[in-house]
Structures are given as C-alpha cells and as structure tokens.
Amino acid sequence: MVHLQRFAVLTDTRVVGVKGDGRNHDLVGAIRAVWTEDFMTCEYAPLSHRVLGRMSARIMAEVAGAGRVVYGIPPKLSGTV
C-alpha cells in the first residue's frame, strides 16, 4: 500500500522582507509531500498550484514569524520518513 504524507516545517533560515517602512527578517516555512510504501524510502508527491497556494497563504497568515514558504521537491529525501 502506498501512503501520502504531507508536512510543513518552520526552518531556521531567515529571509529579508519589507513591512510598512522597514525591513524585517522572518523565517522560511517549507512544505513537503511524499509517497512511501515502506516508510524508509520515498518520492516527492506533486501538489497542484491551487493546493500549494492555499497552504502558503494559511501558513503566512497563521504562523508568527513566517516570511516565505517554499515547496521542497528533492529527487531523494534525506533521512527516513
């Protein structure tokens, strides 16, 4: 059986943005979605732009300190699922 897992993390990477008249240094949120059969190996799962847009908008609105959201699609994820 193949399983789909989706998750988001708030990284410790900072990005520069502008709010009002000043600069701010917020954190990067990262989204990943993977298919796995054995929970030891996986492949990234493509998500639609509509879904990614909704996820990004919600993270930006609800997570204090989030300044940007990225979608990770490495060919082989490091570590186990």
PDB file of N, CA and C in Angstrom:
ATOM      1  N   MET A   1       0.841  -1.178   0.000  1.00  0.00           N
ATOM      2  CA  MET A   1       0.000   0.000   0.000  1.00  0.00           C
ATOM      3  C   MET A   1       0.888   1.245   0.000  1.00  0.00           C
ATOM      4  N   VAL A   2       0.545   2.199  -0.819  1.00  0.00           N
ATOM      5  CA  VAL A   2       1.302   3.453  -0.907  1.00  0.00           C
ATOM      6  C   VAL A   2       0.622   4.502  -0.036  1.00  0.00           C
ATOM      7  N   HIS A   3       1.421   5.234   0.726  1.00  0.00           N
ATOM      8  CA  HIS A   3       0.907   6.255   1.640  1.00  0.00           C
ATOM      9  C   HIS A   3       1.386   7.635   1.205  1.00  0.00           C
ATOM     10  N   LEU A   4       0.521   8.615   1.337  1.00  0.00           N
ATOM     11  CA  LEU A   4       0.871  10.007   1.068  1.00  0.00           C
ATOM     12  C   LEU A   4       1.032  10.722   2.396  1.00  0.00           C
ATOM     13  N   GLN A   5       2.178  11.368   2.579  1.00  0.00           N
ATOM     14  CA  GLN A   5       2.403  12.166   3.776  1.00  0.00           C
ATOM     15  C   GLN A   5       2.714  13.592   3.358  1.00  0.00           C
ATOM     16  N   ARG A   6       2.076  14.549   4.017  1.00  0.00           N
ATOM     17  CA  ARG A   6       2.336  15.973   3.779  1.00  0.00           C
ATOM     18  C   ARG A   6       2.691  16.604   5.104  1.00  0.00           C
ATOM     19  N   PHE A   7       3.679  17.478   5.076  1.00  0.00           N
ATOM     20  CA  PHE A   7       4.074  18.126   6.315  1.00  0.00           C
ATOM     21  C   PHE A   7       4.724  19.469   6.021  1.00  0.00           C
ATOM     22  N   ALA A   8       4.739  20.317   7.027  1.00  0.00           N
ATOM     23  CA  ALA A   8       5.365  21.632   6.913  1.00  0.00           C
ATOM     24  C   ALA A   8       6.263  21.850   8.123  1.00  0.00           C
ATOM     25  N   VAL A   9       7.351  22.554   7.897  1.00  0.00           N
ATOM     26  CA  VAL A   9       8.267  22.894   8.983  1.00  0.00           C
ATOM     27  C   VAL A   9       8.628  24.369   8.882  1.00  0.00           C
ATOM     28  N   LEU A  10       8.951  24.962  10.004  1.00  0.00           N
ATOM     29  CA  LEU A  10       9.462  26.321  10.034  1.00  0.00           C
ATOM     30  C   LEU A  10      10.965  26.205  10.226  1.00  0.00           C
ATOM     31  N   THR A  11      11.729  26.554   9.214  1.00  0.00           N
ATOM     32  CA  THR A  11      13.182  26.393   9.257  1.00  0.00           C
ATOM     33  C   THR A  11      13.830  27.519  10.052  1.00  0.00           C
ATOM     34  N   ASP A  12      15.130  27.410  10.260  1.00  0.00           N
ATOM     35  CA  ASP A  12      15.859  28.494  10.921  1.00  0.00           C
ATOM     36  C   ASP A  12      16.532  29.420   9.908  1.00  0.00           C
ATOM     37  N   THR A  13      16.152  29.294   8.645  1.00  0.00           N
ATOM     38  CA  THR A  13      16.665  30.160   7.589  1.00  0.00           C
ATOM     39  C   THR A  13      15.870  31.464   7.572  1.00  0.00           C
ATOM     40  N   ARG A  14      16.568  32.573   7.516  1.00  0.00           N
ATOM     41  CA  ARG A  14      15.909  33.884   7.534  1.00  0.00           C
ATOM     42  C   ARG A  14      15.887  34.508   6.149  1.00  0.00           C
ATOM     43  N   VAL A  15      14.820  35.248   5.868  1.00  0.00           N
ATOM     44  CA  VAL A  15      14.687  36.000   4.621  1.00  0.00           C
ATOM     45  C   VAL A  15      14.381  37.451   4.965  1.00  0.00           C
ATOM     46  N   VAL A  16      14.796  38.344   4.099  1.00  0.00           N
ATOM     47  CA  VAL A  16      14.552  39.771   4.306  1.00  0.00           C
ATOM     48  C   VAL A  16      13.272  40.151   3.579  1.00  0.00           C
ATOM     49  N   GLY A  17      12.421  40.852   4.270  1.00  0.00           N
ATOM     50  CA  GLY A  17      11.195  41.352   3.682  1.00  0.00           C
ATOM     51  C   GLY A  17      10.959  42.783   4.109  1.00  0.00           C
ATOM     52  N   VAL A  18       9.901  43.375   3.618  1.00  0.00           N
ATOM     53  CA  VAL A  18       9.546  44.747   3.973  1.00  0.00           C
ATOM     54  C   VAL A  18       8.126  44.753   4.505  1.00  0.00           C
ATOM     55  N   LYS A  19       7.960  45.336   5.684  1.00  0.00           N
ATOM     56  CA  LYS A  19       6.634  45.559   6.254  1.00  0.00           C
ATOM     57  C   LYS A  19       6.555  47.023   6.615  1.00  0.00           C
ATOM     58  N   GLY A  20       5.579  47.695   6.050  1.00  0.00           N
ATOM     59  CA  GLY A  20       5.473  49.131   6.290  1.00  0.00           C
ATOM     60  C   GLY A  20       6.675  49.843   5.709  1.00  0.00           C
ATOM     61  N   ASP A  21       7.375  50.616   6.534  1.00  0.00           N
ATOM     62  CA  ASP A  21       8.542  51.373   6.077  1.00  0.00           C
ATOM     63  C   ASP A  21       9.872  50.717   6.445  1.00  0.00           C
ATOM     64  N   GLY A  22       9.828  49.537   7.040  1.00  0.00           N
ATOM     65  CA  GLY A  22      11.080  48.944   7.485  1.00  0.00           C
ATOM     66  C   GLY A  22      11.293  47.515   7.006  1.00  0.00           C
ATOM     67  N   ARG A  23      12.519  47.082   7.140  1.00  0.00           N
ATOM     68  CA  ARG A  23      12.874  45.711   6.794  1.00  0.00           C
ATOM     69  C   ARG A  23      12.580  44.787   7.963  1.00  0.00           C
ATOM     70  N   ASN A  24      12.269  43.573   7.644  1.00  0.00           N
ATOM     71  CA  ASN A  24      12.134  42.561   8.683  1.00  0.00           C
ATOM     72  C   ASN A  24      12.863  41.297   8.231  1.00  0.00           C
ATOM     73  N   HIS A  25      13.241  40.486   9.188  1.00  0.00           N
ATOM     74  CA  HIS A  25      13.972  39.248   8.917  1.00  0.00           C
ATOM     75  C   HIS A  25      13.152  38.096   9.478  1.00  0.00           C
ATOM     76  N   ASP A  26      12.344  37.493   8.616  1.00  0.00           N
ATOM     77  CA  ASP A  26      11.450  36.418   9.038  1.00  0.00           C
ATOM     78  C   ASP A  26      12.008  35.060   8.629  1.00  0.00           C
ATOM     79  N   LEU A  27      11.317  34.017   9.038  1.00  0.00           N
ATOM     80  CA  LEU A  27      11.760  32.650   8.796  1.00  0.00           C
ATOM     81  C   LEU A  27      11.099  32.052   7.554  1.00  0.00           C
ATOM     82  N   VAL A  28      11.725  31.014   7.015  1.00  0.00           N
ATOM     83  CA  VAL A  28      11.204  30.300   5.844  1.00  0.00           C
ATOM     84  C   VAL A  28      10.441  29.069   6.311  1.00  0.00           C
ATOM     85  N   GLY A  29       9.215  28.926   5.834  1.00  0.00           N
ATOM     86  CA  GLY A  29       8.446  27.713   6.046  1.00  0.00           C
ATOM     87  C   GLY A  29       8.640  26.806   4.841  1.00  0.00           C
ATOM     88  N   ALA A  30       8.722  25.516   5.057  1.00  0.00           N
ATOM     89  CA  ALA A  30       8.922  24.565   3.961  1.00  0.00           C
ATOM     90  C   ALA A  30       7.819  23.511   3.979  1.00  0.00           C
ATOM     91  N   ILE A  31       7.275  23.233   2.798  1.00  0.00           N
ATOM     92  CA  ILE A  31       6.244  22.210   2.627  1.00  0.00           C
ATOM     93  C   ILE A  31       6.872  21.048   1.872  1.00  0.00           C
ATOM     94  N   ARG A  32       6.572  19.837   2.310  1.00  0.00           N
ATOM     95  CA  ARG A  32       6.970  18.636   1.574  1.00  0.00           C
ATOM     96  C   ARG A  32       5.790  17.678   1.529  1.00  0.00           C
ATOM     97  N   ALA A  33       5.695  16.971   0.427  1.00  0.00           N
ATOM     98  CA  ALA A  33       4.688  15.921   0.275  1.00  0.00           C
ATOM     99  C   ALA A  33       5.385  14.735  -0.373  1.00  0.00           C
ATOM    100  N   VAL A  34       5.209  13.548   0.201  1.00  0.00           N
ATOM    101  CA  VAL A  34       5.916  12.366  -0.292  1.00  0.00           C
ATOM    102  C   VAL A  34       4.990  11.155  -0.364  1.00  0.00           C
ATOM    103  N   TRP A  35       5.317  10.264  -1.311  1.00  0.00           N
ATOM    104  CA  TRP A  35       4.703   8.946  -1.406  1.00  0.00           C
ATOM    105  C   TRP A  35       5.677   7.947  -0.808  1.00  0.00           C
ATOM    106  N   THR A  36       5.189   7.014  -0.001  1.00  0.00           N
ATOM    107  CA  THR A  36       6.057   5.980   0.558  1.00  0.00           C
ATOM    108  C   THR A  36       5.299   4.667   0.686  1.00  0.00           C
ATOM    109  N   GLU A  37       6.016   3.587   0.527  1.00  0.00           N
ATOM    110  CA  GLU A  37       5.449   2.254   0.735  1.00  0.00           C
ATOM    111  C   GLU A  37       5.960   1.628   2.025  1.00  0.00           C
ATOM    112  N   ASP A  38       7.217   1.887   2.360  1.00  0.00           N
ATOM    113  CA  ASP A  38       7.847   1.209   3.492  1.00  0.00           C
ATOM    114  C   ASP A  38       8.252   2.150   4.630  1.00  0.00           C
ATOM    115  N   PHE A  39       7.998   3.435   4.498  1.00  0.00           N
ATOM    116  CA  PHE A  39       8.344   4.456   5.493  1.00  0.00           C
ATOM    117  C   PHE A  39       9.851   4.581   5.723  1.00  0.00           C
ATOM    118  N   MET A  40      10.637   4.021   4.807  1.00  0.00           N
ATOM    119  CA  MET A  40      12.091   4.163   4.854  1.00  0.00           C
ATOM    120  C   MET A  40      12.588   4.928   3.624  1.00  0.00           C
ATOM    121  N   THR A  41      11.901   4.791   2.526  1.00  0.00           N
ATOM    122  CA  THR A  41      12.245   5.491   1.291  1.00  0.00           C
ATOM    123  C   THR A  41      10.991   6.193   0.791  1.00  0.00           C
ATOM    124  N   CYS A  42      11.186   7.206  -0.037  1.00  0.00           N
ATOM    125  CA  CYS A  42      10.022   7.927  -0.544  1.00  0.00           C
ATOM    126  C   CYS A  42      10.386   8.709  -1.793  1.00  0.00           C
ATOM    127  N   GLU A  43       9.359   9.165  -2.478  1.00  0.00           N
ATOM    128  CA  GLU A  43       9.475  10.053  -3.624  1.00  0.00           C
ATOM    129  C   GLU A  43       8.551  11.239  -3.379  1.00  0.00           C
ATOM    130  N   TYR A  44       8.938  12.404  -3.925  1.00  0.00           N
ATOM    131  CA  TYR A  44       8.074  13.559  -3.699  1.00  0.00           C
ATOM    132  C   TYR A  44       6.753  13.376  -4.434  1.00  0.00           C
ATOM    133  N   ALA A  45       5.704  13.942  -3.873  1.00  0.00           N
ATOM    134  CA  ALA A  45       4.368  13.879  -4.456  1.00  0.00           C
ATOM    135  C   ALA A  45       4.011  15.260  -4.988  1.00  0.00           C
ATOM    136  N   PRO A  46       3.731  15.379  -6.272  1.00  0.00           N
ATOM    137  CA  PRO A  46       3.375  16.691  -6.801  1.00  0.00           C
ATOM    138  C   PRO A  46       2.026  17.171  -6.251  1.00  0.00           C
ATOM    139  N   LEU A  47       1.979  18.425  -5.869  1.00  0.00           N
ATOM    140  CA  LEU A  47       0.746  19.061  -5.420  1.00  0.00           C
ATOM    141  C   LEU A  47       0.367  20.140  -6.419  1.00  0.00           C
ATOM    142  N   SER A  48      -0.921  20.375  -6.578  1.00  0.00           N
ATOM    143  CA  SER A  48      -1.376  21.393  -7.527  1.00  0.00           C
ATOM    144  C   SER A  48      -1.019  22.792  -7.031  1.00  0.00           C
ATOM    145  N   HIS A  49      -0.928  23.717  -7.962  1.00  0.00           N
ATOM    146  CA  HIS A  49      -0.645  25.108  -7.588  1.00  0.00           C
ATOM    147  C   HIS A  49      -1.746  25.658  -6.688  1.00  0.00           C
ATOM    148  N   ARG A  50      -2.966  25.229  -6.910  1.00  0.00           N
ATOM    149  CA  ARG A  50      -4.086  25.689  -6.090  1.00  0.00           C
ATOM    150  C   ARG A  50      -3.880  25.263  -4.634  1.00  0.00           C
ATOM    151  N   VAL A  51      -3.522  23.998  -4.419  1.00  0.00           N
ATOM    152  CA  VAL A  51      -3.295  23.492  -3.060  1.00  0.00           C
ATOM    153  C   VAL A  51      -2.095  24.186  -2.425  1.00  0.00           C
ATOM    154  N   LEU A  52      -1.006  24.310  -3.180  1.00  0.00           N
ATOM    155  CA  LEU A  52       0.178  24.987  -2.650  1.00  0.00           C
ATOM    156  C   LEU A  52      -0.125  26.435  -2.277  1.00  0.00           C
ATOM    157  N   GLY A  53      -0.907  27.107  -3.101  1.00  0.00           N
ATOM    158  CA  GLY A  53      -1.291  28.493  -2.807  1.00  0.00           C
ATOM    159  C   GLY A  53      -2.097  28.610  -1.529  1.00  0.00           C
ATOM    160  N   ARG A  54      -3.032  27.685  -1.336  1.00  0.00           N
ATOM    161  CA  ARG A  54      -3.844  27.699  -0.119  1.00  0.00           C
ATOM    162  C   ARG A  54      -2.997  27.408   1.115  1.00  0.00           C
ATOM    163  N   MET A  55      -2.080  26.426   0.999  1.00  0.00           N
ATOM    164  CA  MET A  55      -1.218  26.095   2.120  1.00  0.00           C
ATOM    165  C   MET A  55      -0.311  27.272   2.463  1.00  0.00           C
ATOM    166  N   SER A  56       0.283  27.877   1.449  1.00  0.00           N
ATOM    167  CA  SER A  56       1.180  29.006   1.666  1.00  0.00           C
ATOM    168  C   SER A  56       0.447  30.180   2.318  1.00  0.00           C
ATOM    169  N   ALA A  57      -0.723  30.500   1.804  1.00  0.00           N
ATOM    170  CA  ALA A  57      -1.493  31.623   2.359  1.00  0.00           C
ATOM    171  C   ALA A  57      -1.841  31.376   3.823  1.00  0.00           C
ATOM    172  N   ARG A  58      -2.214  30.154   4.134  1.00  0.00           N
ATOM    173  CA  ARG A  58      -2.587  29.848   5.522  1.00  0.00           C
ATOM    174  C   ARG A  58      -1.372  29.910   6.447  1.00  0.00           C
ATOM    175  N   ILE A  59      -0.243  29.373   6.000  1.00  0.00           N
ATOM    176  CA  ILE A  59       0.971  29.432   6.820  1.00  0.00           C
ATOM    177  C   ILE A  59       1.371  30.883   7.068  1.00  0.00           C
ATOM    178  N   MET A  60       1.371  31.703   6.018  1.00  0.00           N
ATOM    179  CA  MET A  60       1.752  33.110   6.163  1.00  0.00           C
ATOM    180  C   MET A  60       0.813  33.859   7.109  1.00  0.00           C
ATOM    181  N   ALA A  61      -0.468  33.515   7.086  1.00  0.00           N
ATOM    182  CA  ALA A  61      -1.448  34.203   7.926  1.00  0.00           C
ATOM    183  C   ALA A  61      -1.432  33.716   9.375  1.00  0.00           C
ATOM    184  N   GLU A  62      -1.112  32.446   9.597  1.00  0.00           N
ATOM    185  CA  GLU A  62      -1.289  31.870  10.919  1.00  0.00           C
ATOM    186  C   GLU A  62      -0.008  31.580  11.697  1.00  0.00           C
ATOM    187  N   VAL A  63       1.142  31.576  11.032  1.00  0.00           N
ATOM    188  CA  VAL A  63       2.390  31.238  11.717  1.00  0.00           C
ATOM    189  C   VAL A  63       3.198  32.513  11.941  1.00  0.00           C
ATOM    190  N   ALA A  64       3.321  32.904  13.190  1.00  0.00           N
ATOM    191  CA  ALA A  64       4.091  34.102  13.526  1.00  0.00           C
ATOM    192  C   ALA A  64       5.543  33.910  13.116  1.00  0.00           C
ATOM    193  N   GLY A  65       6.095  34.889  12.430  1.00  0.00           N
ATOM    194  CA  GLY A  65       7.488  34.840  12.024  1.00  0.00           C
ATOM    195  C   GLY A  65       7.744  34.238  10.663  1.00  0.00           C
ATOM    196  N   ALA A  66       6.722  33.691  10.005  1.00  0.00           N
ATOM    197  CA  ALA A  66       6.903  33.128   8.665  1.00  0.00           C
ATOM    198  C   ALA A  66       6.920  34.256   7.638  1.00  0.00           C
ATOM    199  N   GLY A  67       7.990  34.329   6.850  1.00  0.00           N
ATOM    200  CA  GLY A  67       8.115  35.388   5.859  1.00  0.00           C
ATOM    201  C   GLY A  67       8.097  34.890   4.429  1.00  0.00           C
ATOM    202  N   ARG A  68       8.221  33.578   4.257  1.00  0.00           N
ATOM    203  CA  ARG A  68       8.218  32.981   2.919  1.00  0.00           C
ATOM    204  C   ARG A  68       7.927  31.497   3.087  1.00  0.00           C
ATOM    205  N   VAL A  69       7.301  30.896   2.075  1.00  0.00           N
ATOM    206  CA  VAL A  69       7.023  29.465   2.089  1.00  0.00           C
ATOM    207  C   VAL A  69       7.588  28.866   0.811  1.00  0.00           C
ATOM    208  N   VAL A  70       8.311  27.751   0.950  1.00  0.00           N
ATOM    209  CA  VAL A  70       8.877  27.056  -0.203  1.00  0.00           C
ATOM    210  C   VAL A  70       8.334  25.632  -0.236  1.00  0.00           C
ATOM    211  N   TYR A  71       8.387  25.024  -1.431  1.00  0.00           N
ATOM    212  CA  TYR A  71       7.935  23.646  -1.621  1.00  0.00           C
ATOM    213  C   TYR A  71       9.147  22.821  -2.006  1.00  0.00           C
ATOM    214  N   GLY A  72       9.541  21.885  -1.152  1.00  0.00           N
ATOM    215  CA  GLY A  72      10.715  21.065  -1.399  1.00  0.00           C
ATOM    216  C   GLY A  72      10.392  19.846  -2.239  1.00  0.00           C
ATOM    217  N   ILE A  73      11.125  19.685  -3.349  1.00  0.00           N
ATOM    218  CA  ILE A  73      10.930  18.514  -4.211  1.00  0.00           C
ATOM    219  C   ILE A  73      12.264  17.865  -4.586  1.00  0.00           C
ATOM    220  N   PRO A  74      13.051  17.490  -3.596  1.00  0.00           N
ATOM    221  CA  PRO A  74      14.320  16.830  -3.928  1.00  0.00           C
ATOM    222  C   PRO A  74      14.043  15.448  -4.541  1.00  0.00           C
ATOM    223  N   PRO A  75      14.947  14.977  -5.392  1.00  0.00           N
ATOM    224  CA  PRO A  75      14.730  13.681  -6.029  1.00  0.00           C
ATOM    225  C   PRO A  75      14.740  12.522  -5.031  1.00  0.00           C
ATOM    226  N   LYS A  76      15.510  12.647  -3.958  1.00  0.00           N
ATOM    227  CA  LYS A  76      15.533  11.629  -2.910  1.00  0.00           C
ATOM    228  C   LYS A  76      15.682  12.351  -1.580  1.00  0.00           C
ATOM    229  N   LEU A  77      14.728  12.161  -0.710  1.00  0.00           N
ATOM    230  CA  LEU A  77      14.760  12.849   0.569  1.00  0.00           C
ATOM    231  C   LEU A  77      15.798  12.223   1.488  1.00  0.00           C
ATOM    232  N   SER A  78      16.477  13.056   2.227  1.00  0.00           N
ATOM    233  CA  SER A  78      17.454  12.552   3.180  1.00  0.00           C
ATOM    234  C   SER A  78      16.744  12.065   4.435  1.00  0.00           C
ATOM    235  N   GLY A  79      17.284  11.056   5.063  1.00  0.00           N
ATOM    236  CA  GLY A  79      16.693  10.518   6.276  1.00  0.00           C
ATOM    237  C   GLY A  79      15.514   9.612   5.976  1.00  0.00           C
ATOM    238  N   THR A  80      14.912   9.107   7.009  1.00  0.00           N
ATOM    239  CA  THR A  80      13.762   8.237   6.838  1.00  0.00           C
ATOM    240  C   THR A  80      12.485   9.039   6.977  1.00  0.00           C
ATOM    241  N   VAL A  81      11.403   8.440   6.564  1.00  0.00           N
ATOM    242  CA  VAL A  81      10.099   9.114   6.604  1.00  0.00           C
ATOM    243  C   VAL A  81       9.552   9.030   8.008  1.00  0.00           C
TER     244      VAL A  81
END
